Amino acid sequence: MQFAPDIPRWRQVAEVIRQRIDDGTYPPRTRVPSVMQIIAEFGIATATAQKVLQNLRREGLIYTEPGLGSFVAKLPTEEGADESEPRA
């Protein structure tokens, strides 16, 4: 991935994952890439990859189950979705 020099890398990577969630590449309740997978795919530092997932959690797009990984949250537009999806 070619990074734009004027935008923080974590924001650019988070946008890629956000787009993958939006387009269904990562459907609701499926695992998103781990920190190590993000590092390998995008060539970024551990702290940067952690910040990507932290930001997506803060936005409510993903939730983390300790020991299992991070998963796409049920989206409010999803039929029958409720606001009770666990978020870490």
C-alpha atoms as a PDB file:
ATOM      1  CA  MET A   1       0.000   0.000   0.000  1.00  0.00           C
ATOM      2  CA  GLN A   2       1.268   3.442  -0.901  1.00  0.00           C
ATOM      3  CA  PHE A   3       0.750   5.767   2.075  1.00  0.00           C
ATOM      4  CA  ALA A   4      -0.121   9.437   1.678  1.00  0.00           C
ATOM      5  CA  PRO A   5       2.555  11.432   3.510  1.00  0.00           C
ATOM      6  CA  ASP A   6       0.158  13.973   5.058  1.00  0.00           C
ATOM      7  CA  ILE A   7      -2.286  11.495   6.693  1.00  0.00           C
ATOM      8  CA  PRO A   8      -1.312   9.310   9.675  1.00  0.00           C
ATOM      9  CA  ARG A   9      -0.757   5.719   8.607  1.00  0.00           C
ATOM     10  CA  TRP A  10      -3.128   4.354  11.253  1.00  0.00           C
ATOM     11  CA  ARG A  11      -5.937   6.458   9.758  1.00  0.00           C
ATOM     12  CA  GLN A  12      -5.203   5.177   6.261  1.00  0.00           C
ATOM     13  CA  VAL A  13      -5.150   1.536   7.357  1.00  0.00           C
ATOM     14  CA  ALA A  14      -8.294   2.010   9.457  1.00  0.00           C
ATOM     15  CA  GLU A  15     -10.014   3.430   6.368  1.00  0.00           C
ATOM     16  CA  VAL A  16      -9.068   0.342   4.334  1.00  0.00           C
ATOM     17  CA  ILE A  17     -10.523  -1.967   6.987  1.00  0.00           C
ATOM     18  CA  ARG A  18     -13.594   0.286   7.348  1.00  0.00           C
ATOM     19  CA  GLN A  19     -14.165   0.024   3.585  1.00  0.00           C
ATOM     20  CA  ARG A  20     -13.819  -3.762   3.768  1.00  0.00           C
ATOM     21  CA  ILE A  21     -16.479  -3.823   6.498  1.00  0.00           C
ATOM     22  CA  ASP A  22     -18.746  -1.542   4.448  1.00  0.00           C
ATOM     23  CA  ASP A  23     -18.401  -3.568   1.243  1.00  0.00           C
ATOM     24  CA  GLY A  24     -18.973  -6.902   2.990  1.00  0.00           C
ATOM     25  CA  THR A  25     -15.444  -8.258   2.673  1.00  0.00           C
ATOM     26  CA  TYR A  26     -15.656  -8.595   6.467  1.00  0.00           C
ATOM     27  CA  PRO A  27     -19.333  -9.381   7.178  1.00  0.00           C
ATOM     28  CA  PRO A  28     -20.928  -8.826  10.606  1.00  0.00           C
ATOM     29  CA  ARG A  29     -19.730 -11.190  13.339  1.00  0.00           C
ATOM     30  CA  THR A  30     -16.664 -12.325  11.361  1.00  0.00           C
ATOM     31  CA  ARG A  31     -13.090 -11.870  12.510  1.00  0.00           C
ATOM     32  CA  VAL A  32     -11.079  -8.906  11.292  1.00  0.00           C
ATOM     33  CA  PRO A  33      -7.312  -9.151  10.849  1.00  0.00           C
ATOM     34  CA  SER A  34      -5.233  -9.413  14.007  1.00  0.00           C
ATOM     35  CA  VAL A  35      -2.493  -6.950  14.915  1.00  0.00           C
ATOM     36  CA  MET A  36       0.072  -9.342  13.438  1.00  0.00           C
ATOM     37  CA  GLN A  37      -1.911  -9.732  10.208  1.00  0.00           C
ATOM     38  CA  ILE A  38      -2.251  -5.955   9.877  1.00  0.00           C
ATOM     39  CA  ILE A  39       1.496  -5.570  10.424  1.00  0.00           C
ATOM     40  CA  ALA A  40       2.234  -8.159   7.721  1.00  0.00           C
ATOM     41  CA  GLU A  41      -0.227  -6.751   5.181  1.00  0.00           C
ATOM     42  CA  PHE A  42       0.510  -3.041   5.597  1.00  0.00           C
ATOM     43  CA  GLY A  43       4.100  -3.024   6.850  1.00  0.00           C
ATOM     44  CA  ILE A  44       3.349  -0.834   9.880  1.00  0.00           C
ATOM     45  CA  ALA A  45       4.588  -0.916  13.475  1.00  0.00           C
ATOM     46  CA  THR A  46       2.857  -2.862  16.243  1.00  0.00           C
ATOM     47  CA  ALA A  47       1.697   0.295  18.042  1.00  0.00           C
ATOM     48  CA  THR A  48       0.256   1.617  14.778  1.00  0.00           C
ATOM     49  CA  ALA A  49      -1.657  -1.612  14.131  1.00  0.00           C
ATOM     50  CA  GLN A  50      -2.981  -1.557  17.693  1.00  0.00           C
ATOM     51  CA  LYS A  51      -4.161   2.018  17.181  1.00  0.00           C
ATOM     52  CA  VAL A  52      -6.046   0.928  14.033  1.00  0.00           C
ATOM     53  CA  LEU A  53      -8.053  -1.658  15.982  1.00  0.00           C
ATOM     54  CA  GLN A  54      -8.512   0.683  18.949  1.00  0.00           C
ATOM     55  CA  ASN A  55      -9.985   3.346  16.673  1.00  0.00           C
ATOM     56  CA  LEU A  56     -12.344   0.895  14.953  1.00  0.00           C
ATOM     57  CA  ARG A  57     -13.523  -0.294  18.399  1.00  0.00           C
ATOM     58  CA  ARG A  58     -14.093   3.291  19.494  1.00  0.00           C
ATOM     59  CA  GLU A  59     -16.194   3.860  16.368  1.00  0.00           C
ATOM     60  CA  GLY A  60     -18.277   0.799  17.235  1.00  0.00           C
ATOM     61  CA  LEU A  61     -17.367  -1.038  14.031  1.00  0.00           C
ATOM     62  CA  ILE A  62     -15.640  -3.919  15.797  1.00  0.00           C
ATOM     63  CA  TYR A  63     -15.589  -5.544  19.211  1.00  0.00           C
ATOM     64  CA  THR A  64     -12.936  -7.712  20.813  1.00  0.00           C
ATOM     65  CA  GLU A  65     -13.427 -11.004  22.605  1.00  0.00           C
ATOM     66  CA  PRO A  66     -10.375 -11.635  24.806  1.00  0.00           C
ATOM     67  CA  GLY A  67      -8.484 -14.683  23.610  1.00  0.00           C
ATOM     68  CA  LEU A  68     -10.552 -14.937  20.416  1.00  0.00           C
ATOM     69  CA  GLY A  69      -9.848 -11.788  18.419  1.00  0.00           C
ATOM     70  CA  SER A  70     -11.709  -8.803  17.040  1.00  0.00           C
ATOM     71  CA  PHE A  71     -14.955  -9.141  15.132  1.00  0.00           C
ATOM     72  CA  VAL A  72     -17.202  -6.956  12.998  1.00  0.00           C
ATOM     73  CA  ALA A  73     -20.041  -5.607  15.117  1.00  0.00           C
ATOM     74  CA  LYS A  74     -23.642  -5.902  14.034  1.00  0.00           C
ATOM     75  CA  LEU A  75     -24.318  -2.719  12.153  1.00  0.00           C
ATOM     76  CA  PRO A  76     -27.383  -0.628  13.066  1.00  0.00           C
ATOM     77  CA  THR A  77     -28.603  -0.873   9.455  1.00  0.00           C
ATOM     78  CA  GLU A  78     -28.538  -4.668   9.633  1.00  0.00           C
ATOM     79  CA  GLU A  79     -32.102  -6.012   9.776  1.00  0.00           C
ATOM     80  CA  GLY A  80     -32.978  -7.014  13.310  1.00  0.00           C
ATOM     81  CA  ALA A  81     -29.813  -5.452  14.705  1.00  0.00           C
ATOM     82  CA  ASP A  82     -29.899  -4.124  18.211  1.00  0.00           C
ATOM     83  CA  GLU A  83     -27.629  -1.840  20.181  1.00  0.00           C
ATOM     84  CA  SER A  84     -26.583  -4.583  22.618  1.00  0.00           C
ATOM     85  CA  GLU A  85     -23.605  -5.889  20.642  1.00  0.00           C
ATOM     86  CA  PRO A  86     -20.668  -6.233  23.018  1.00  0.00           C
ATOM     87  CA  ARG A  87     -17.948  -3.662  22.514  1.00  0.00           C
ATOM     88  CA  ALA A  88     -14.606  -3.550  24.277  1.00  0.00           C
END
